[in-house]
PDB file of all heavy atoms in Angstrom:
ATOM      1  N   ARG A   1     -28.242  20.000  -0.305  1.00  0.00           N
ATOM      2  CA  ARG A   1     -28.508  20.721  -1.562  1.00  0.00           C
ATOM      3  C   ARG A   1     -27.283  20.699  -2.470  1.00  0.00           C
ATOM      4  O   ARG A   1     -27.409  20.501  -3.676  1.00  0.00           O
ATOM      5  CB  ARG A   1     -28.927  22.170  -1.291  1.00  0.00           C
ATOM      6  CG  ARG A   1     -30.354  22.334  -0.857  1.00  0.00           C
ATOM      7  CD  ARG A   1     -30.842  23.771  -0.966  1.00  0.00           C
ATOM      8  NE  ARG A   1     -29.954  24.760  -0.386  1.00  0.00           N
ATOM      9  CZ  ARG A   1     -30.026  25.214   0.848  1.00  0.00           C
ATOM     10  NH1 ARG A   1     -30.959  24.785   1.652  1.00  0.00           N
ATOM     11  NH2 ARG A   1     -29.193  26.130   1.274  1.00  0.00           N
ATOM     12  N   VAL A   2     -26.116  20.899  -1.901  1.00  0.00           N
ATOM     13  CA  VAL A   2     -24.879  20.924  -2.686  1.00  0.00           C
ATOM     14  C   VAL A   2     -24.645  19.563  -3.341  1.00  0.00           C
ATOM     15  O   VAL A   2     -24.374  19.472  -4.542  1.00  0.00           O
ATOM     16  CB  VAL A   2     -23.681  21.343  -1.827  1.00  0.00           C
ATOM     17  CG1 VAL A   2     -22.365  21.072  -2.513  1.00  0.00           C
ATOM     18  CG2 VAL A   2     -23.774  22.807  -1.437  1.00  0.00           C
ATOM     19  N   GLU A   3     -24.743  18.493  -2.566  1.00  0.00           N
ATOM     20  CA  GLU A   3     -24.518  17.166  -3.120  1.00  0.00           C
ATOM     21  C   GLU A   3     -25.576  16.770  -4.135  1.00  0.00           C
ATOM     22  O   GLU A   3     -25.285  16.141  -5.154  1.00  0.00           O
ATOM     23  CB  GLU A   3     -24.420  16.112  -2.028  1.00  0.00           C
ATOM     24  CG  GLU A   3     -23.082  16.079  -1.347  1.00  0.00           C
ATOM     25  CD  GLU A   3     -21.897  15.917  -2.304  1.00  0.00           C
ATOM     26  OE1 GLU A   3     -21.987  15.159  -3.297  1.00  0.00           O
ATOM     27  OE2 GLU A   3     -20.867  16.536  -2.047  1.00  0.00           O
ATOM     28  N   LEU A   4     -26.822  17.142  -3.888  1.00  0.00           N
ATOM     29  CA  LEU A   4     -27.881  16.858  -4.843  1.00  0.00           C
ATOM     30  C   LEU A   4     -27.597  17.573  -6.158  1.00  0.00           C
ATOM     31  O   LEU A   4     -27.723  16.988  -7.239  1.00  0.00           O
ATOM     32  CB  LEU A   4     -29.250  17.264  -4.288  1.00  0.00           C
ATOM     33  CG  LEU A   4     -30.445  17.014  -5.208  1.00  0.00           C
ATOM     34  CD1 LEU A   4     -30.558  15.529  -5.558  1.00  0.00           C
ATOM     35  CD2 LEU A   4     -31.715  17.538  -4.547  1.00  0.00           C
ATOM     36  N   ALA A   5     -27.183  18.818  -6.088  1.00  0.00           N
ATOM     37  CA  ALA A   5     -26.858  19.585  -7.311  1.00  0.00           C
ATOM     38  C   ALA A   5     -25.708  18.927  -8.054  1.00  0.00           C
ATOM     39  O   ALA A   5     -25.697  18.875  -9.301  1.00  0.00           O
ATOM     40  CB  ALA A   5     -26.522  21.028  -6.963  1.00  0.00           C
ATOM     41  N   ARG A   6     -24.727  18.401  -7.341  1.00  0.00           N
ATOM     42  CA  ARG A   6     -23.595  17.735  -7.982  1.00  0.00           C
ATOM     43  C   ARG A   6     -24.035  16.444  -8.677  1.00  0.00           C
ATOM     44  O   ARG A   6     -23.564  16.139  -9.774  1.00  0.00           O
ATOM     45  CB  ARG A   6     -22.508  17.421  -6.955  1.00  0.00           C
ATOM     46  CG  ARG A   6     -21.775  18.641  -6.477  1.00  0.00           C
ATOM     47  CD  ARG A   6     -20.790  18.295  -5.376  1.00  0.00           C
ATOM     48  NE  ARG A   6     -20.054  19.463  -4.954  1.00  0.00           N
ATOM     49  CZ  ARG A   6     -19.336  19.538  -3.856  1.00  0.00           C
ATOM     50  NH1 ARG A   6     -19.247  18.479  -3.049  1.00  0.00           N
ATOM     51  NH2 ARG A   6     -18.702  20.637  -3.537  1.00  0.00           N
ATOM     52  N   VAL A   7     -24.915  15.692  -8.050  1.00  0.00           N
ATOM     53  CA  VAL A   7     -25.412  14.455  -8.672  1.00  0.00           C
ATOM     54  C   VAL A   7     -26.177  14.816  -9.953  1.00  0.00           C
ATOM     55  O   VAL A   7     -25.978  14.193 -10.993  1.00  0.00           O
ATOM     56  CB  VAL A   7     -26.301  13.648  -7.719  1.00  0.00           C
ATOM     57  CG1 VAL A   7     -27.010  12.518  -8.450  1.00  0.00           C
ATOM     58  CG2 VAL A   7     -25.510  13.113  -6.559  1.00  0.00           C
ATOM     59  N   VAL A   8     -27.052  15.798  -9.856  1.00  0.00           N
ATOM     60  CA  VAL A   8     -27.841  16.199 -11.014  1.00  0.00           C
ATOM     61  C   VAL A   8     -26.936  16.688 -12.148  1.00  0.00           C
ATOM     62  O   VAL A   8     -27.125  16.324 -13.308  1.00  0.00           O
ATOM     63  CB  VAL A   8     -28.877  17.272 -10.616  1.00  0.00           C
ATOM     64  CG1 VAL A   8     -29.550  17.870 -11.855  1.00  0.00           C
ATOM     65  CG2 VAL A   8     -29.922  16.672  -9.681  1.00  0.00           C
ATOM     66  N   GLN A   9     -25.937  17.481 -11.811  1.00  0.00           N
ATOM     67  CA  GLN A   9     -24.995  17.976 -12.826  1.00  0.00           C
ATOM     68  C   GLN A   9     -24.272  16.796 -13.474  1.00  0.00           C
ATOM     69  O   GLN A   9     -24.119  16.754 -14.702  1.00  0.00           O
ATOM     70  CB  GLN A   9     -23.995  18.939 -12.213  1.00  0.00           C
ATOM     71  CG  GLN A   9     -23.001  19.473 -13.216  1.00  0.00           C
ATOM     72  CD  GLN A   9     -21.988  20.408 -12.568  1.00  0.00           C
ATOM     73  OE1 GLN A   9     -21.888  20.493 -11.339  1.00  0.00           O
ATOM     74  NE2 GLN A   9     -21.241  21.104 -13.383  1.00  0.00           N
ATOM     75  N   ARG A  10     -23.804  15.865 -12.688  1.00  0.00           N
ATOM     76  CA  ARG A  10     -23.110  14.704 -13.234  1.00  0.00           C
ATOM     77  C   ARG A  10     -24.025  13.907 -14.144  1.00  0.00           C
ATOM     78  O   ARG A  10     -23.626  13.466 -15.223  1.00  0.00           O
ATOM     79  CB  ARG A  10     -22.567  13.813 -12.093  1.00  0.00           C
ATOM     80  CG  ARG A  10     -21.926  12.548 -12.568  1.00  0.00           C
ATOM     81  CD  ARG A  10     -20.657  12.853 -13.390  1.00  0.00           C
ATOM     82  NE  ARG A  10     -20.151  11.648 -14.004  1.00  0.00           N
ATOM     83  CZ  ARG A  10     -19.831  11.541 -15.272  1.00  0.00           C
ATOM     84  NH1 ARG A  10     -19.907  12.579 -16.075  1.00  0.00           N
ATOM     85  NH2 ARG A  10     -19.389  10.401 -15.766  1.00  0.00           N
ATOM     86  N   TRP A  11     -25.271  13.718 -13.727  1.00  0.00           N
ATOM     87  CA  TRP A  11     -26.242  12.971 -14.528  1.00  0.00           C
ATOM     88  C   TRP A  11     -26.436  13.634 -15.879  1.00  0.00           C
ATOM     89  O   TRP A  11     -26.509  12.945 -16.914  1.00  0.00           O
ATOM     90  CB  TRP A  11     -27.552  12.870 -13.750  1.00  0.00           C
ATOM     91  CG  TRP A  11     -28.545  11.954 -14.396  1.00  0.00           C
ATOM     92  CD1 TRP A  11     -29.632  12.311 -15.122  1.00  0.00           C
ATOM     93  CD2 TRP A  11     -28.542  10.524 -14.355  1.00  0.00           C
ATOM     94  NE1 TRP A  11     -30.309  11.204 -15.550  1.00  0.00           N
ATOM     95  CE2 TRP A  11     -29.653  10.090 -15.082  1.00  0.00           C
ATOM     96  CE3 TRP A  11     -27.709   9.590 -13.791  1.00  0.00           C
ATOM     97  CZ2 TRP A  11     -29.960   8.739 -15.257  1.00  0.00           C
ATOM     98  CZ3 TRP A  11     -27.990   8.251 -13.951  1.00  0.00           C
ATOM     99  CH2 TRP A  11     -29.117   7.836 -14.680  1.00  0.00           C
ATOM    100  N   ARG A  12     -26.538  14.929 -15.894  1.00  0.00           N
ATOM    101  CA  ARG A  12     -26.753  15.667 -17.157  1.00  0.00           C
ATOM    102  C   ARG A  12     -25.568  15.545 -18.100  1.00  0.00           C
ATOM    103  O   ARG A  12     -25.712  15.725 -19.308  1.00  0.00           O
ATOM    104  CB  ARG A  12     -27.021  17.136 -16.864  1.00  0.00           C
ATOM    105  CG  ARG A  12     -28.370  17.365 -16.246  1.00  0.00           C
ATOM    106  CD  ARG A  12     -28.596  18.826 -15.959  1.00  0.00           C
ATOM    107  NE  ARG A  12     -29.899  19.014 -15.371  1.00  0.00           N
ATOM    108  CZ  ARG A  12     -30.235  20.038 -14.622  1.00  0.00           C
ATOM    109  NH1 ARG A  12     -29.344  20.999 -14.382  1.00  0.00           N
ATOM    110  NH2 ARG A  12     -31.438  20.144 -14.113  1.00  0.00           N
ATOM    111  N   GLN A  13     -24.401  15.259 -17.575  1.00  0.00           N
ATOM    112  CA  GLN A  13     -23.192  15.120 -18.391  1.00  0.00           C
ATOM    113  C   GLN A  13     -23.059  13.729 -19.020  1.00  0.00           C
ATOM    114  O   GLN A  13     -22.261  13.538 -19.931  1.00  0.00           O
ATOM    115  CB  GLN A  13     -21.940  15.400 -17.558  1.00  0.00           C
ATOM    116  CG  GLN A  13     -21.848  16.799 -17.061  1.00  0.00           C
ATOM    117  CD  GLN A  13     -20.729  16.975 -16.024  1.00  0.00           C
ATOM    118  OE1 GLN A  13     -20.208  16.003 -15.491  1.00  0.00           O
ATOM    119  NE2 GLN A  13     -20.388  18.221 -15.748  1.00  0.00           N
ATOM    120  N   LEU A  14     -23.828  12.767 -18.519  1.00  0.00           N
ATOM    121  CA  LEU A  14     -23.684  11.397 -18.990  1.00  0.00           C
ATOM    122  C   LEU A  14     -24.313  11.205 -20.366  1.00  0.00           C
ATOM    123  O   LEU A  14     -25.425  11.676 -20.617  1.00  0.00           O
ATOM    124  CB  LEU A  14     -24.356  10.416 -18.016  1.00  0.00           C
ATOM    125  CG  LEU A  14     -23.757  10.293 -16.628  1.00  0.00           C
ATOM    126  CD1 LEU A  14     -24.637   9.348 -15.789  1.00  0.00           C
ATOM    127  CD2 LEU A  14     -22.343   9.765 -16.696  1.00  0.00           C
ATOM    128  N   PRO A  15     -23.628  10.472 -21.249  1.00  0.00           N
ATOM    129  CA  PRO A  15     -24.282  10.042 -22.476  1.00  0.00           C
ATOM    130  C   PRO A  15     -25.457   9.111 -22.110  1.00  0.00           C
ATOM    131  O   PRO A  15     -25.437   8.481 -21.042  1.00  0.00           O
ATOM    132  CB  PRO A  15     -23.204   9.270 -23.222  1.00  0.00           C
ATOM    133  CG  PRO A  15     -21.916   9.690 -22.596  1.00  0.00           C
ATOM    134  CD  PRO A  15     -22.237  10.072 -21.192  1.00  0.00           C
ATOM    135  N   LEU A  16     -26.422   9.019 -22.977  1.00  0.00           N
ATOM    136  CA  LEU A  16     -27.634   8.246 -22.667  1.00  0.00           C
ATOM    137  C   LEU A  16     -27.329   6.792 -22.304  1.00  0.00           C
ATOM    138  O   LEU A  16     -27.919   6.267 -21.373  1.00  0.00           O
ATOM    139  CB  LEU A  16     -28.608   8.295 -23.844  1.00  0.00           C
ATOM    140  CG  LEU A  16     -29.958   7.626 -23.625  1.00  0.00           C
ATOM    141  CD1 LEU A  16     -30.659   8.186 -22.380  1.00  0.00           C
ATOM    142  CD2 LEU A  16     -30.818   7.775 -24.857  1.00  0.00           C
ATOM    143  N   ASP A  17     -26.405   6.159 -23.003  1.00  0.00           N
ATOM    144  CA  ASP A  17     -26.109   4.762 -22.684  1.00  0.00           C
ATOM    145  C   ASP A  17     -25.515   4.619 -21.275  1.00  0.00           C
ATOM    146  O   ASP A  17     -25.823   3.666 -20.547  1.00  0.00           O
ATOM    147  CB  ASP A  17     -25.201   4.127 -23.732  1.00  0.00           C
ATOM    148  CG  ASP A  17     -23.850   4.795 -23.864  1.00  0.00           C
ATOM    149  OD1 ASP A  17     -23.749   6.005 -23.634  1.00  0.00           O
ATOM    150  OD2 ASP A  17     -22.874   4.094 -24.220  1.00  0.00           O
ATOM    151  N   GLN A  18     -24.684   5.570 -20.851  1.00  0.00           N
ATOM    152  CA  GLN A  18     -24.141   5.531 -19.498  1.00  0.00           C
ATOM    153  C   GLN A  18     -25.236   5.833 -18.469  1.00  0.00           C
ATOM    154  O   GLN A  18     -25.243   5.257 -17.380  1.00  0.00           O
ATOM    155  CB  GLN A  18     -23.016   6.542 -19.325  1.00  0.00           C
ATOM    156  CG  GLN A  18     -21.679   6.039 -19.848  1.00  0.00           C
ATOM    157  CD  GLN A  18     -20.601   7.044 -19.507  1.00  0.00           C
ATOM    158  OE1 GLN A  18     -20.427   8.041 -20.218  1.00  0.00           O
ATOM    159  NE2 GLN A  18     -19.900   6.790 -18.436  1.00  0.00           N
ATOM    160  N   ALA A  19     -26.145   6.741 -18.801  1.00  0.00           N
ATOM    161  CA  ALA A  19     -27.246   7.030 -17.887  1.00  0.00           C
ATOM    162  C   ALA A  19     -28.098   5.779 -17.703  1.00  0.00           C
ATOM    163  O   ALA A  19     -28.470   5.428 -16.565  1.00  0.00           O
ATOM    164  CB  ALA A  19     -28.076   8.193 -18.410  1.00  0.00           C
ATOM    165  N   ARG A  20     -28.384   5.111 -18.788  1.00  0.00           N
ATOM    166  CA  ARG A  20     -29.179   3.871 -18.677  1.00  0.00           C
ATOM    167  C   ARG A  20     -28.457   2.830 -17.816  1.00  0.00           C
ATOM    168  O   ARG A  20     -29.087   2.150 -17.015  1.00  0.00           O
ATOM    169  CB  ARG A  20     -29.477   3.300 -20.061  1.00  0.00           C
ATOM    170  CG  ARG A  20     -30.541   4.070 -20.792  1.00  0.00           C
ATOM    171  CD  ARG A  20     -30.940   3.356 -22.077  1.00  0.00           C
ATOM    172  NE  ARG A  20     -31.967   4.102 -22.745  1.00  0.00           N
ATOM    173  CZ  ARG A  20     -31.932   4.435 -24.017  1.00  0.00           C
ATOM    174  NH1 ARG A  20     -30.910   4.087 -24.784  1.00  0.00           N
ATOM    175  NH2 ARG A  20     -32.915   5.130 -24.560  1.00  0.00           N
ATOM    176  N   SER A  21     -27.158   2.724 -17.994  1.00  0.00           N
ATOM    177  CA  SER A  21     -26.429   1.722 -17.190  1.00  0.00           C
ATOM    178  C   SER A  21     -26.287   2.155 -15.734  1.00  0.00           C
ATOM    179  O   SER A  21     -26.074   1.320 -14.865  1.00  0.00           O
ATOM    180  CB  SER A  21     -25.053   1.429 -17.808  1.00  0.00           C
ATOM    181  OG  SER A  21     -24.214   2.549 -17.717  1.00  0.00           O
ATOM    182  N   GLY A  22     -26.441   3.446 -15.456  1.00  0.00           N
ATOM    183  CA  GLY A  22     -26.380   3.937 -14.087  1.00  0.00           C
ATOM    184  C   GLY A  22     -27.721   3.910 -13.373  1.00  0.00           C
ATOM    185  O   GLY A  22     -27.789   4.161 -12.160  1.00  0.00           O
ATOM    186  N   MET A  23     -28.770   3.580 -14.095  1.00  0.00           N
ATOM    187  CA  MET A  23     -30.114   3.563 -13.484  1.00  0.00           C
ATOM    188  C   MET A  23     -30.215   2.630 -12.282  1.00  0.00           C
ATOM    189  O   MET A  23     -30.861   3.014 -11.291  1.00  0.00           O
ATOM    190  CB  MET A  23     -31.174   3.209 -14.535  1.00  0.00           C
ATOM    191  CG  MET A  23     -31.510   4.358 -15.479  1.00  0.00           C
ATOM    192  SD  MET A  23     -32.358   5.736 -14.676  1.00  0.00           S
ATOM    193  CE  MET A  23     -33.956   5.005 -14.336  1.00  0.00           C
ATOM    194  N   PRO A  24     -29.616   1.441 -12.270  1.00  0.00           N
ATOM    195  CA  PRO A  24     -29.741   0.584 -11.080  1.00  0.00           C
ATOM    196  C   PRO A  24     -29.203   1.253  -9.805  1.00  0.00           C
ATOM    197  O   PRO A  24     -29.800   1.115  -8.741  1.00  0.00           O
ATOM    198  CB  PRO A  24     -28.948  -0.665 -11.440  1.00  0.00           C
ATOM    199  CG  PRO A  24     -28.988  -0.721 -12.932  1.00  0.00           C
ATOM    200  CD  PRO A  24     -28.960   0.713 -13.371  1.00  0.00           C
ATOM    201  N   GLN A  25     -28.085   1.988  -9.921  1.00  0.00           N
ATOM    202  CA  GLN A  25     -27.548   2.680  -8.748  1.00  0.00           C
ATOM    203  C   GLN A  25     -28.506   3.759  -8.262  1.00  0.00           C
ATOM    204  O   GLN A  25     -28.725   3.926  -7.062  1.00  0.00           O
ATOM    205  CB  GLN A  25     -26.183   3.298  -9.051  1.00  0.00           C
ATOM    206  CG  GLN A  25     -25.082   2.290  -9.259  1.00  0.00           C
ATOM    207  CD  GLN A  25     -24.905   1.935 -10.736  1.00  0.00           C
ATOM    208  OE1 GLN A  25     -25.800   2.068 -11.553  1.00  0.00           O
ATOM    209  NE2 GLN A  25     -23.708   1.480 -11.078  1.00  0.00           N
ATOM    210  N   VAL A  26     -29.080   4.498  -9.212  1.00  0.00           N
ATOM    211  CA  VAL A  26     -30.013   5.559  -8.840  1.00  0.00           C
ATOM    212  C   VAL A  26     -31.286   4.954  -8.253  1.00  0.00           C
ATOM    213  O   VAL A  26     -31.782   5.411  -7.221  1.00  0.00           O
ATOM    214  CB  VAL A  26     -30.365   6.455 -10.050  1.00  0.00           C
ATOM    215  CG1 VAL A  26     -31.354   7.538  -9.647  1.00  0.00           C
ATOM    216  CG2 VAL A  26     -29.109   7.076 -10.634  1.00  0.00           C
TER     217      VAL A  26
END
């Protein structure tokens, strides 16, 4: 739960272009 919350928090901090570029890892 702790690590999942950290991933979600990090994802919410990403600008949209970085989120899009991070999609393959996710």
